[in-house]
Amino acid sequence: MRENPMMAPVLELLRGSADGLSEYEIITALKEQGLYIGDIEDPSMALYTGHFFVMNALYALQRDLITDGIYLYISPLKNRLYPTGAAAGQGALNVEATDAALSAYYLDWKNLDTMTPAGVERLLNGFWERFSATDKSTESLAVLGLEPGAKWSKIQTTYRRLAAQHHPDKGGDAARFIRIREAYLVLKGGR
């Protein structure tokens, strides 16, 4: 099995931070120590390689530390060590919350070895498409006056009420009706 040279330095960084560290903070600290892997000719491949090594280290540590009673919570904005077991009532995280698909992806070295610049571009484009769709959904919910996470039945009920209220044939504002209809269609398409 391939060993990631970032595991020990990443663990040391996490142990030194009671509040946890973002992925960016981990990468910055590794670069300051001259340990960051990712300095290759293609900038997108360099970014992907460095990111992969850090994420691989995090998921490998998560897998290995659990046997020592430590849970590593992994997120782009906060990576933090938590005790498991007896500390469960004191804010420790549920070990079952691990995103198995991401863990499997980053623990498989083939995903690094077979990546190409075109593959990195596809990954980035996919991210921005999902981000844009999430942003449009949030905006559409706001148009309907709903909070993120609203159930489909609530969206439908609210849409019908607002559409009837603002329909031009019933004396409503045509521009407002169109915005309500567009918001509904965005949410319907995202189901």
N, C-alpha and C. Protein backbone atom coordinates (compact mmCIF):
# COMPACT_ATOMS: atom_id res chain seq x y z
N MET A 1 0.84 -1.18 0.00
CA MET A 1 0.00 0.00 0.00
C MET A 1 0.89 1.25 0.00
N ARG A 2 0.52 2.21 -0.78
CA ARG A 2 1.27 3.46 -0.92
C ARG A 2 1.14 4.32 0.33
N GLU A 3 2.23 4.88 0.77
CA GLU A 3 2.23 5.71 1.97
C GLU A 3 2.26 7.19 1.57
N ASN A 4 1.44 7.98 2.22
CA ASN A 4 1.37 9.41 1.95
C ASN A 4 2.31 10.14 2.92
N PRO A 5 3.32 10.84 2.40
CA PRO A 5 4.26 11.54 3.28
C PRO A 5 3.64 12.73 4.02
N MET A 6 2.42 13.09 3.67
CA MET A 6 1.76 14.22 4.32
C MET A 6 1.04 13.82 5.61
N MET A 7 0.87 12.53 5.85
CA MET A 7 0.08 12.10 7.01
C MET A 7 0.63 12.62 8.34
N ALA A 8 1.89 12.40 8.61
CA ALA A 8 2.46 12.84 9.89
C ALA A 8 2.43 14.36 10.04
N PRO A 9 2.84 15.14 9.02
CA PRO A 9 2.78 16.59 9.18
C PRO A 9 1.34 17.11 9.35
N VAL A 10 0.39 16.52 8.64
CA VAL A 10 -1.00 16.96 8.77
C VAL A 10 -1.51 16.64 10.18
N LEU A 11 -1.21 15.45 10.68
CA LEU A 11 -1.63 15.08 12.03
C LEU A 11 -1.01 16.03 13.06
N GLU A 12 0.25 16.36 12.89
CA GLU A 12 0.91 17.29 13.81
C GLU A 12 0.22 18.65 13.80
N LEU A 13 -0.14 19.12 12.61
CA LEU A 13 -0.84 20.41 12.50
C LEU A 13 -2.20 20.35 13.21
N LEU A 14 -2.94 19.26 13.00
CA LEU A 14 -4.26 19.13 13.62
C LEU A 14 -4.15 19.03 15.13
N ARG A 15 -3.16 18.30 15.62
CA ARG A 15 -2.99 18.17 17.07
C ARG A 15 -2.61 19.50 17.70
N GLY A 16 -1.99 20.37 16.93
CA GLY A 16 -1.59 21.68 17.44
C GLY A 16 -2.67 22.74 17.35
N SER A 17 -3.85 22.36 16.87
CA SER A 17 -4.93 23.34 16.72
C SER A 17 -6.20 22.81 17.37
N ALA A 18 -6.52 23.34 18.53
CA ALA A 18 -7.71 22.90 19.26
C ALA A 18 -9.00 23.22 18.51
N ASP A 19 -8.99 24.29 17.73
CA ASP A 19 -10.19 24.69 17.00
C ASP A 19 -10.28 24.09 15.60
N GLY A 20 -9.26 23.36 15.18
CA GLY A 20 -9.25 22.77 13.85
C GLY A 20 -8.67 23.73 12.82
N LEU A 21 -8.49 23.21 11.62
CA LEU A 21 -7.89 23.98 10.53
C LEU A 21 -8.66 23.75 9.24
N SER A 22 -8.75 24.77 8.42
CA SER A 22 -9.34 24.60 7.09
C SER A 22 -8.32 23.91 6.19
N GLU A 23 -8.78 23.41 5.07
CA GLU A 23 -7.85 22.81 4.11
C GLU A 23 -6.82 23.85 3.67
N TYR A 24 -7.27 25.07 3.43
CA TYR A 24 -6.37 26.15 3.02
C TYR A 24 -5.28 26.39 4.08
N GLU A 25 -5.67 26.39 5.36
CA GLU A 25 -4.69 26.60 6.43
C GLU A 25 -3.69 25.45 6.49
N ILE A 26 -4.16 24.23 6.27
CA ILE A 26 -3.26 23.08 6.26
C ILE A 26 -2.26 23.21 5.11
N ILE A 27 -2.75 23.53 3.92
CA ILE A 27 -1.89 23.67 2.75
C ILE A 27 -0.87 24.79 2.96
N THR A 28 -1.32 25.91 3.50
CA THR A 28 -0.43 27.04 3.76
C THR A 28 0.68 26.64 4.73
N ALA A 29 0.32 25.94 5.81
CA ALA A 29 1.31 25.50 6.80
C ALA A 29 2.30 24.51 6.19
N LEU A 30 1.81 23.59 5.37
CA LEU A 30 2.71 22.62 4.72
C LEU A 30 3.68 23.33 3.78
N LYS A 31 3.17 24.33 3.03
CA LYS A 31 4.05 25.08 2.14
C LYS A 31 5.13 25.82 2.94
N GLU A 32 4.75 26.40 4.07
CA GLU A 32 5.72 27.11 4.91
C GLU A 32 6.81 26.17 5.42
N GLN A 33 6.45 24.90 5.62
CA GLN A 33 7.42 23.91 6.07
C GLN A 33 8.18 23.27 4.91
N GLY A 34 7.84 23.66 3.69
CA GLY A 34 8.48 23.10 2.51
C GLY A 34 8.04 21.67 2.22
N LEU A 35 6.87 21.28 2.70
CA LEU A 35 6.41 19.91 2.58
C LEU A 35 5.28 19.71 1.56
N TYR A 36 4.78 20.78 1.01
CA TYR A 36 3.62 20.67 0.13
C TYR A 36 3.99 20.02 -1.18
N ILE A 37 3.19 19.04 -1.61
CA ILE A 37 3.39 18.37 -2.88
C ILE A 37 2.41 18.96 -3.88
N GLY A 38 2.87 19.34 -5.01
CA GLY A 38 1.98 19.91 -6.00
C GLY A 38 2.69 20.84 -6.95
N ASP A 39 3.99 20.97 -6.83
CA ASP A 39 4.75 21.87 -7.69
C ASP A 39 5.11 21.17 -9.00
N ILE A 40 4.20 21.15 -9.94
CA ILE A 40 4.44 20.59 -11.26
C ILE A 40 4.11 21.64 -12.29
N GLU A 41 4.40 21.38 -13.55
CA GLU A 41 4.31 22.39 -14.60
C GLU A 41 2.90 22.93 -14.84
N ASP A 42 1.90 22.10 -14.90
CA ASP A 42 0.54 22.53 -15.19
C ASP A 42 -0.11 23.03 -13.89
N PRO A 43 -0.52 24.30 -13.82
CA PRO A 43 -1.09 24.85 -12.57
C PRO A 43 -2.32 24.09 -12.07
N SER A 44 -3.20 23.65 -12.98
CA SER A 44 -4.40 22.94 -12.53
C SER A 44 -4.02 21.57 -11.97
N MET A 45 -3.03 20.92 -12.58
CA MET A 45 -2.57 19.63 -12.06
C MET A 45 -1.84 19.82 -10.73
N ALA A 46 -1.11 20.91 -10.59
CA ALA A 46 -0.42 21.19 -9.32
C ALA A 46 -1.45 21.37 -8.21
N LEU A 47 -2.48 22.11 -8.49
CA LEU A 47 -3.55 22.35 -7.51
C LEU A 47 -4.23 21.03 -7.14
N TYR A 48 -4.56 20.24 -8.14
CA TYR A 48 -5.23 18.96 -7.90
C TYR A 48 -4.32 18.01 -7.10
N THR A 49 -3.06 17.92 -7.48
CA THR A 49 -2.12 17.01 -6.82
C THR A 49 -1.97 17.38 -5.34
N GLY A 50 -1.74 18.65 -5.07
CA GLY A 50 -1.61 19.08 -3.68
C GLY A 50 -2.87 18.83 -2.88
N HIS A 51 -4.00 19.17 -3.47
CA HIS A 51 -5.30 18.93 -2.82
C HIS A 51 -5.48 17.44 -2.55
N PHE A 52 -5.16 16.60 -3.53
CA PHE A 52 -5.34 15.15 -3.37
C PHE A 52 -4.48 14.62 -2.23
N PHE A 53 -3.22 15.03 -2.16
CA PHE A 53 -2.34 14.55 -1.10
C PHE A 53 -2.87 14.94 0.29
N VAL A 54 -3.36 16.16 0.42
CA VAL A 54 -3.89 16.60 1.71
C VAL A 54 -5.16 15.82 2.05
N MET A 55 -6.06 15.69 1.09
CA MET A 55 -7.32 14.97 1.36
C MET A 55 -7.06 13.49 1.62
N ASN A 56 -6.13 12.90 0.90
CA ASN A 56 -5.77 11.51 1.13
C ASN A 56 -5.25 11.35 2.56
N ALA A 57 -4.40 12.27 2.99
CA ALA A 57 -3.85 12.22 4.34
C ALA A 57 -4.97 12.34 5.37
N LEU A 58 -5.89 13.26 5.15
CA LEU A 58 -7.00 13.45 6.09
C LEU A 58 -7.86 12.20 6.20
N TYR A 59 -8.24 11.62 5.06
CA TYR A 59 -9.11 10.44 5.12
C TYR A 59 -8.37 9.21 5.66
N ALA A 60 -7.09 9.09 5.36
CA ALA A 60 -6.31 7.98 5.91
C ALA A 60 -6.17 8.14 7.43
N LEU A 61 -5.94 9.37 7.88
CA LEU A 61 -5.87 9.62 9.32
C LEU A 61 -7.22 9.34 9.98
N GLN A 62 -8.29 9.76 9.33
CA GLN A 62 -9.62 9.51 9.88
C GLN A 62 -9.84 8.01 10.09
N ARG A 63 -9.47 7.23 9.09
CA ARG A 63 -9.61 5.78 9.15
C ARG A 63 -8.74 5.19 10.25
N ASP A 64 -7.51 5.66 10.38
CA ASP A 64 -6.57 5.09 11.33
C ASP A 64 -6.79 5.55 12.77
N LEU A 65 -7.19 6.80 12.97
CA LEU A 65 -7.31 7.34 14.32
C LEU A 65 -8.52 6.82 15.07
N ILE A 66 -9.54 6.39 14.35
CA ILE A 66 -10.76 5.93 15.01
C ILE A 66 -10.48 4.78 15.96
N THR A 67 -9.48 3.95 15.64
CA THR A 67 -9.12 2.83 16.53
C THR A 67 -8.49 3.32 17.82
N ASP A 68 -8.00 4.56 17.83
CA ASP A 68 -7.42 5.16 19.04
C ASP A 68 -8.44 6.00 19.80
N GLY A 69 -9.71 5.95 19.37
CA GLY A 69 -10.75 6.72 20.05
C GLY A 69 -10.78 8.18 19.65
N ILE A 70 -10.27 8.47 18.45
CA ILE A 70 -10.24 9.86 17.95
C ILE A 70 -10.97 9.89 16.61
N TYR A 71 -11.88 10.85 16.47
CA TYR A 71 -12.58 11.02 15.20
C TYR A 71 -12.09 12.29 14.55
N LEU A 72 -11.69 12.19 13.29
CA LEU A 72 -11.25 13.35 12.51
C LEU A 72 -12.41 13.80 11.65
N TYR A 73 -12.97 14.95 11.97
CA TYR A 73 -14.03 15.56 11.18
C TYR A 73 -13.36 16.25 10.00
N ILE A 74 -13.84 15.99 8.78
CA ILE A 74 -13.22 16.52 7.57
C ILE A 74 -14.20 17.41 6.83
N SER A 75 -13.76 18.62 6.55
CA SER A 75 -14.55 19.60 5.81
C SER A 75 -13.57 20.60 5.20
N PRO A 76 -13.91 21.18 4.04
CA PRO A 76 -12.99 22.17 3.47
C PRO A 76 -12.71 23.35 4.41
N LEU A 77 -13.70 23.68 5.25
CA LEU A 77 -13.55 24.85 6.11
C LEU A 77 -13.07 24.53 7.52
N LYS A 78 -13.16 23.27 7.94
CA LYS A 78 -12.73 22.92 9.28
C LYS A 78 -12.44 21.43 9.36
N ASN A 79 -11.21 21.10 9.69
CA ASN A 79 -10.77 19.73 9.93
C ASN A 79 -10.32 19.69 11.37
N ARG A 80 -10.96 18.81 12.15
CA ARG A 80 -10.72 18.86 13.59
C ARG A 80 -10.78 17.48 14.21
N LEU A 81 -9.94 17.26 15.21
CA LEU A 81 -9.92 16.01 15.96
C LEU A 81 -10.91 16.08 17.12
N TYR A 82 -11.69 15.01 17.29
CA TYR A 82 -12.65 14.91 18.38
C TYR A 82 -12.48 13.56 19.06
N PRO A 83 -12.69 13.52 20.37
CA PRO A 83 -12.70 12.21 21.04
C PRO A 83 -14.01 11.49 20.71
N THR A 84 -13.97 10.17 20.70
CA THR A 84 -15.19 9.39 20.47
C THR A 84 -15.56 8.69 21.77
N GLY A 85 -16.57 7.89 21.74
CA GLY A 85 -16.95 7.07 22.90
C GLY A 85 -17.50 7.88 24.04
N ALA A 86 -16.77 7.93 25.15
CA ALA A 86 -17.27 8.56 26.37
C ALA A 86 -17.58 10.04 26.19
N ALA A 87 -16.94 10.68 25.24
CA ALA A 87 -17.15 12.12 25.04
C ALA A 87 -18.33 12.40 24.12
N ALA A 88 -19.08 11.38 23.72
CA ALA A 88 -20.18 11.58 22.76
C ALA A 88 -21.17 12.62 23.25
N GLY A 89 -21.42 12.67 24.54
CA GLY A 89 -22.36 13.64 25.08
C GLY A 89 -21.78 15.03 25.19
N GLN A 90 -20.50 15.17 24.91
CA GLN A 90 -19.84 16.47 25.05
C GLN A 90 -19.49 17.08 23.69
N GLY A 91 -20.25 16.74 22.67
CA GLY A 91 -20.05 17.38 21.38
C GLY A 91 -19.23 16.58 20.40
N ALA A 92 -18.80 15.36 20.72
CA ALA A 92 -18.08 14.55 19.75
C ALA A 92 -19.00 14.24 18.59
N LEU A 93 -18.46 14.07 17.42
CA LEU A 93 -19.26 13.88 16.23
C LEU A 93 -19.57 12.42 16.00
N ASN A 94 -20.66 12.18 15.33
CA ASN A 94 -21.08 10.84 14.97
C ASN A 94 -20.16 10.29 13.88
N VAL A 95 -19.50 9.19 14.16
CA VAL A 95 -18.56 8.60 13.22
C VAL A 95 -19.27 8.21 11.93
N GLU A 96 -20.56 7.92 11.99
CA GLU A 96 -21.31 7.53 10.81
C GLU A 96 -21.49 8.69 9.82
N ALA A 97 -21.17 9.91 10.22
CA ALA A 97 -21.37 11.07 9.36
C ALA A 97 -20.35 11.15 8.23
N THR A 98 -19.39 10.27 8.21
CA THR A 98 -18.36 10.28 7.17
C THR A 98 -18.98 10.16 5.79
N ASP A 99 -18.53 10.97 4.86
CA ASP A 99 -18.99 10.86 3.48
C ASP A 99 -18.19 9.74 2.83
N ALA A 100 -18.80 8.59 2.73
CA ALA A 100 -18.11 7.39 2.24
C ALA A 100 -17.60 7.56 0.81
N ALA A 101 -18.35 8.25 -0.03
CA ALA A 101 -17.93 8.40 -1.43
C ALA A 101 -16.65 9.23 -1.52
N LEU A 102 -16.56 10.32 -0.77
CA LEU A 102 -15.35 11.14 -0.79
C LEU A 102 -14.17 10.38 -0.21
N SER A 103 -14.41 9.69 0.87
CA SER A 103 -13.35 8.89 1.49
C SER A 103 -12.81 7.87 0.50
N ALA A 104 -13.70 7.15 -0.15
CA ALA A 104 -13.27 6.13 -1.11
C ALA A 104 -12.48 6.76 -2.26
N TYR A 105 -12.94 7.91 -2.73
CA TYR A 105 -12.27 8.60 -3.83
C TYR A 105 -10.84 8.97 -3.44
N TYR A 106 -10.68 9.64 -2.31
CA TYR A 106 -9.36 10.14 -1.93
C TYR A 106 -8.43 9.05 -1.40
N LEU A 107 -8.95 7.94 -0.97
CA LEU A 107 -8.08 6.85 -0.53
C LEU A 107 -7.62 5.96 -1.68
N ASP A 108 -8.16 6.17 -2.86
CA ASP A 108 -7.78 5.39 -4.04
C ASP A 108 -6.74 6.18 -4.86
N TRP A 109 -5.49 5.75 -4.78
CA TRP A 109 -4.39 6.46 -5.46
C TRP A 109 -4.56 6.49 -6.97
N LYS A 110 -5.36 5.58 -7.53
CA LYS A 110 -5.58 5.60 -8.98
C LYS A 110 -6.22 6.91 -9.42
N ASN A 111 -7.00 7.53 -8.52
CA ASN A 111 -7.64 8.80 -8.86
C ASN A 111 -6.63 9.93 -9.01
N LEU A 112 -5.48 9.78 -8.41
CA LEU A 112 -4.39 10.74 -8.62
C LEU A 112 -3.56 10.33 -9.84
N ASP A 113 -3.20 9.06 -9.90
CA ASP A 113 -2.31 8.57 -10.95
C ASP A 113 -2.89 8.70 -12.35
N THR A 114 -4.20 8.60 -12.48
CA THR A 114 -4.82 8.63 -13.80
C THR A 114 -5.40 10.00 -14.16
N MET A 115 -5.29 10.96 -13.26
CA MET A 115 -5.87 12.29 -13.53
C MET A 115 -5.06 13.01 -14.60
N THR A 116 -5.78 13.71 -15.46
CA THR A 116 -5.18 14.51 -16.54
C THR A 116 -5.63 15.95 -16.39
N PRO A 117 -4.98 16.89 -17.08
CA PRO A 117 -5.47 18.27 -17.04
C PRO A 117 -6.93 18.39 -17.51
N ALA A 118 -7.31 17.62 -18.52
CA ALA A 118 -8.71 17.65 -18.98
C ALA A 118 -9.64 17.12 -17.89
N GLY A 119 -9.20 16.11 -17.15
CA GLY A 119 -10.00 15.57 -16.04
C GLY A 119 -10.18 16.59 -14.93
N VAL A 120 -9.12 17.33 -14.63
CA VAL A 120 -9.21 18.39 -13.61
C VAL A 120 -10.21 19.45 -14.07
N GLU A 121 -10.14 19.80 -15.34
CA GLU A 121 -11.08 20.80 -15.88
C GLU A 121 -12.52 20.31 -15.75
N ARG A 122 -12.76 19.02 -16.04
CA ARG A 122 -14.12 18.46 -15.88
C ARG A 122 -14.58 18.52 -14.43
N LEU A 123 -13.69 18.19 -13.51
CA LEU A 123 -14.03 18.26 -12.09
C LEU A 123 -14.40 19.68 -11.67
N LEU A 124 -13.58 20.64 -12.09
CA LEU A 124 -13.86 22.03 -11.74
C LEU A 124 -15.15 22.53 -12.36
N ASN A 125 -15.39 22.19 -13.62
CA ASN A 125 -16.64 22.59 -14.28
C ASN A 125 -17.84 21.98 -13.57
N GLY A 126 -17.73 20.71 -13.18
CA GLY A 126 -18.81 20.06 -12.45
C GLY A 126 -19.08 20.74 -11.11
N PHE A 127 -18.00 21.14 -10.43
CA PHE A 127 -18.17 21.85 -9.16
C PHE A 127 -18.93 23.15 -9.38
N TRP A 128 -18.50 23.93 -10.39
CA TRP A 128 -19.14 25.23 -10.61
C TRP A 128 -20.59 25.07 -11.07
N GLU A 129 -20.88 24.03 -11.81
CA GLU A 129 -22.28 23.77 -12.20
C GLU A 129 -23.13 23.47 -10.98
N ARG A 130 -22.62 22.62 -10.08
CA ARG A 130 -23.37 22.29 -8.85
C ARG A 130 -23.50 23.53 -7.97
N PHE A 131 -22.42 24.32 -7.87
CA PHE A 131 -22.46 25.53 -7.06
C PHE A 131 -23.49 26.50 -7.61
N SER A 132 -23.50 26.69 -8.92
CA SER A 132 -24.45 27.59 -9.57
C SER A 132 -25.88 27.11 -9.36
N ALA A 133 -26.11 25.80 -9.47
CA ALA A 133 -27.45 25.25 -9.28
C ALA A 133 -27.91 25.48 -7.84
N THR A 134 -27.02 25.30 -6.87
CA THR A 134 -27.35 25.53 -5.47
C THR A 134 -27.68 26.99 -5.25
N ASP A 135 -26.88 27.88 -5.85
CA ASP A 135 -27.11 29.30 -5.73
C ASP A 135 -28.46 29.69 -6.34
N LYS A 136 -28.79 29.13 -7.50
CA LYS A 136 -30.08 29.41 -8.14
C LYS A 136 -31.24 28.89 -7.31
N SER A 137 -31.07 27.74 -6.69
CA SER A 137 -32.12 27.18 -5.84
C SER A 137 -32.36 28.07 -4.62
N THR A 138 -31.29 28.52 -4.00
CA THR A 138 -31.41 29.39 -2.83
C THR A 138 -32.11 30.69 -3.21
N GLU A 139 -31.71 31.25 -4.34
CA GLU A 139 -32.32 32.48 -4.83
C GLU A 139 -33.79 32.27 -5.16
N SER A 140 -34.12 31.14 -5.77
CA SER A 140 -35.51 30.84 -6.13
C SER A 140 -36.38 30.65 -4.90
N LEU A 141 -35.84 30.00 -3.87
CA LEU A 141 -36.59 29.86 -2.62
C LEU A 141 -36.86 31.23 -2.01
N ALA A 142 -35.89 32.12 -2.08
CA ALA A 142 -36.07 33.47 -1.55
C ALA A 142 -37.16 34.22 -2.30
N VAL A 143 -37.23 34.05 -3.61
CA VAL A 143 -38.29 34.69 -4.40
C VAL A 143 -39.66 34.25 -3.90
N LEU A 144 -39.76 32.97 -3.52
CA LEU A 144 -41.02 32.44 -3.01
C LEU A 144 -41.21 32.71 -1.52
N GLY A 145 -40.19 33.32 -0.89
CA GLY A 145 -40.28 33.62 0.53
C GLY A 145 -40.07 32.40 1.42
N LEU A 146 -39.33 31.41 0.92
CA LEU A 146 -39.09 30.17 1.66
C LEU A 146 -37.64 30.06 2.08
N GLU A 147 -37.41 29.29 3.12
CA GLU A 147 -36.07 29.03 3.64
C GLU A 147 -35.43 27.87 2.88
N PRO A 148 -34.10 27.83 2.80
CA PRO A 148 -33.42 26.66 2.22
C PRO A 148 -33.86 25.38 2.94
N GLY A 149 -34.02 24.33 2.17
CA GLY A 149 -34.45 23.06 2.74
C GLY A 149 -35.95 22.87 2.77
N ALA A 150 -36.71 23.83 2.20
CA ALA A 150 -38.17 23.71 2.20
C ALA A 150 -38.59 22.45 1.45
N LYS A 151 -39.60 21.78 1.96
CA LYS A 151 -40.10 20.55 1.33
C LYS A 151 -40.84 20.89 0.04
N TRP A 152 -40.85 19.93 -0.89
CA TRP A 152 -41.47 20.13 -2.19
C TRP A 152 -42.94 20.50 -2.05
N SER A 153 -43.67 19.88 -1.13
CA SER A 153 -45.09 20.18 -0.95
C SER A 153 -45.28 21.64 -0.53
N LYS A 154 -44.40 22.15 0.31
CA LYS A 154 -44.46 23.56 0.74
C LYS A 154 -44.15 24.49 -0.44
N ILE A 155 -43.19 24.10 -1.27
CA ILE A 155 -42.85 24.90 -2.45
C ILE A 155 -44.06 24.98 -3.38
N GLN A 156 -44.71 23.85 -3.62
CA GLN A 156 -45.87 23.82 -4.51
C GLN A 156 -47.01 24.68 -3.97
N THR A 157 -47.31 24.53 -2.69
CA THR A 157 -48.40 25.29 -2.07
C THR A 157 -48.11 26.79 -2.14
N THR A 158 -46.89 27.16 -1.81
CA THR A 158 -46.51 28.58 -1.83
C THR A 158 -46.54 29.12 -3.25
N TYR A 159 -46.04 28.35 -4.19
CA TYR A 159 -46.07 28.78 -5.59
C TYR A 159 -47.51 29.04 -6.05
N ARG A 160 -48.39 28.10 -5.80
CA ARG A 160 -49.80 28.26 -6.23
C ARG A 160 -50.43 29.51 -5.63
N ARG A 161 -50.19 29.73 -4.35
CA ARG A 161 -50.75 30.91 -3.69
C ARG A 161 -50.20 32.19 -4.30
N LEU A 162 -48.88 32.26 -4.47
CA LEU A 162 -48.26 33.47 -5.03
C LEU A 162 -48.63 33.67 -6.50
N ALA A 163 -48.69 32.58 -7.26
CA ALA A 163 -49.05 32.70 -8.68
C ALA A 163 -50.47 33.23 -8.82
N ALA A 164 -51.39 32.74 -8.01
CA ALA A 164 -52.78 33.23 -8.06
C ALA A 164 -52.85 34.69 -7.63
N GLN A 165 -52.08 35.03 -6.62
CA GLN A 165 -52.08 36.41 -6.10
C GLN A 165 -51.52 37.42 -7.11
N HIS A 166 -50.47 37.02 -7.86
CA HIS A 166 -49.77 37.96 -8.74
C HIS A 166 -50.05 37.75 -10.23
N HIS A 167 -50.98 36.87 -10.57
CA HIS A 167 -51.28 36.60 -11.98
C HIS A 167 -51.85 37.86 -12.63
N PRO A 168 -51.35 38.24 -13.81
CA PRO A 168 -51.82 39.46 -14.48
C PRO A 168 -53.32 39.44 -14.79
N ASP A 169 -53.89 38.28 -15.05
CA ASP A 169 -55.33 38.20 -15.34
C ASP A 169 -56.17 38.52 -14.11
N LYS A 170 -55.54 38.50 -12.94
CA LYS A 170 -56.26 38.80 -11.70
C LYS A 170 -55.80 40.13 -11.11
N GLY A 171 -55.20 40.96 -11.96
CA GLY A 171 -54.78 42.28 -11.53
C GLY A 171 -53.41 42.34 -10.90
N GLY A 172 -52.66 41.25 -10.99
CA GLY A 172 -51.33 41.21 -10.39
C GLY A 172 -50.26 41.80 -11.30
N ASP A 173 -49.06 41.91 -10.76
CA ASP A 173 -47.92 42.46 -11.49
C ASP A 173 -47.31 41.36 -12.36
N ALA A 174 -47.27 41.60 -13.69
CA ALA A 174 -46.77 40.60 -14.63
C ALA A 174 -45.30 40.25 -14.37
N ALA A 175 -44.47 41.25 -14.08
CA ALA A 175 -43.05 41.00 -13.83
C ALA A 175 -42.86 40.14 -12.58
N ARG A 176 -43.62 40.43 -11.54
CA ARG A 176 -43.53 39.64 -10.30
C ARG A 176 -44.00 38.21 -10.57
N PHE A 177 -45.07 38.05 -11.33
CA PHE A 177 -45.58 36.73 -11.67
C PHE A 177 -44.52 35.92 -12.43
N ILE A 178 -43.85 36.55 -13.38
CA ILE A 178 -42.82 35.87 -14.17
C ILE A 178 -41.68 35.42 -13.26
N ARG A 179 -41.25 36.27 -12.33
CA ARG A 179 -40.18 35.89 -11.39
C ARG A 179 -40.60 34.70 -10.53
N ILE A 180 -41.85 34.70 -10.10
CA ILE A 180 -42.36 33.59 -9.28
C ILE A 180 -42.39 32.30 -10.11
N ARG A 181 -42.84 32.41 -11.34
CA ARG A 181 -42.92 31.23 -12.22
C ARG A 181 -41.51 30.69 -12.52
N GLU A 182 -40.57 31.58 -12.83
CA GLU A 182 -39.19 31.15 -13.09
C GLU A 182 -38.58 30.47 -11.87
N ALA A 183 -38.82 31.03 -10.69
CA ALA A 183 -38.30 30.43 -9.45
C ALA A 183 -38.87 29.02 -9.28
N TYR A 184 -40.14 28.87 -9.50
CA TYR A 184 -40.78 27.56 -9.38
C TYR A 184 -40.17 26.56 -10.36
N LEU A 185 -39.95 26.98 -11.60
CA LEU A 185 -39.39 26.09 -12.61
C LEU A 185 -37.96 25.66 -12.26
N VAL A 186 -37.17 26.59 -11.71
CA VAL A 186 -35.81 26.24 -11.27
C VAL A 186 -35.87 25.18 -10.19
N LEU A 187 -36.76 25.37 -9.22
CA LEU A 187 -36.88 24.40 -8.11
C LEU A 187 -37.44 23.06 -8.61
N LYS A 188 -38.37 23.12 -9.53
CA LYS A 188 -38.93 21.88 -10.08
C LYS A 188 -37.86 21.10 -10.85
N GLY A 189 -37.03 21.81 -11.60
CA GLY A 189 -35.96 21.17 -12.36
C GLY A 189 -34.87 20.57 -11.49
N GLY A 190 -34.72 21.09 -10.26
CA GLY A 190 -33.69 20.60 -9.35
C GLY A 190 -34.12 19.42 -8.51
N ARG A 191 -35.36 19.00 -8.67
CA ARG A 191 -35.87 17.86 -7.86
C ARG A 191 -35.27 16.57 -8.27
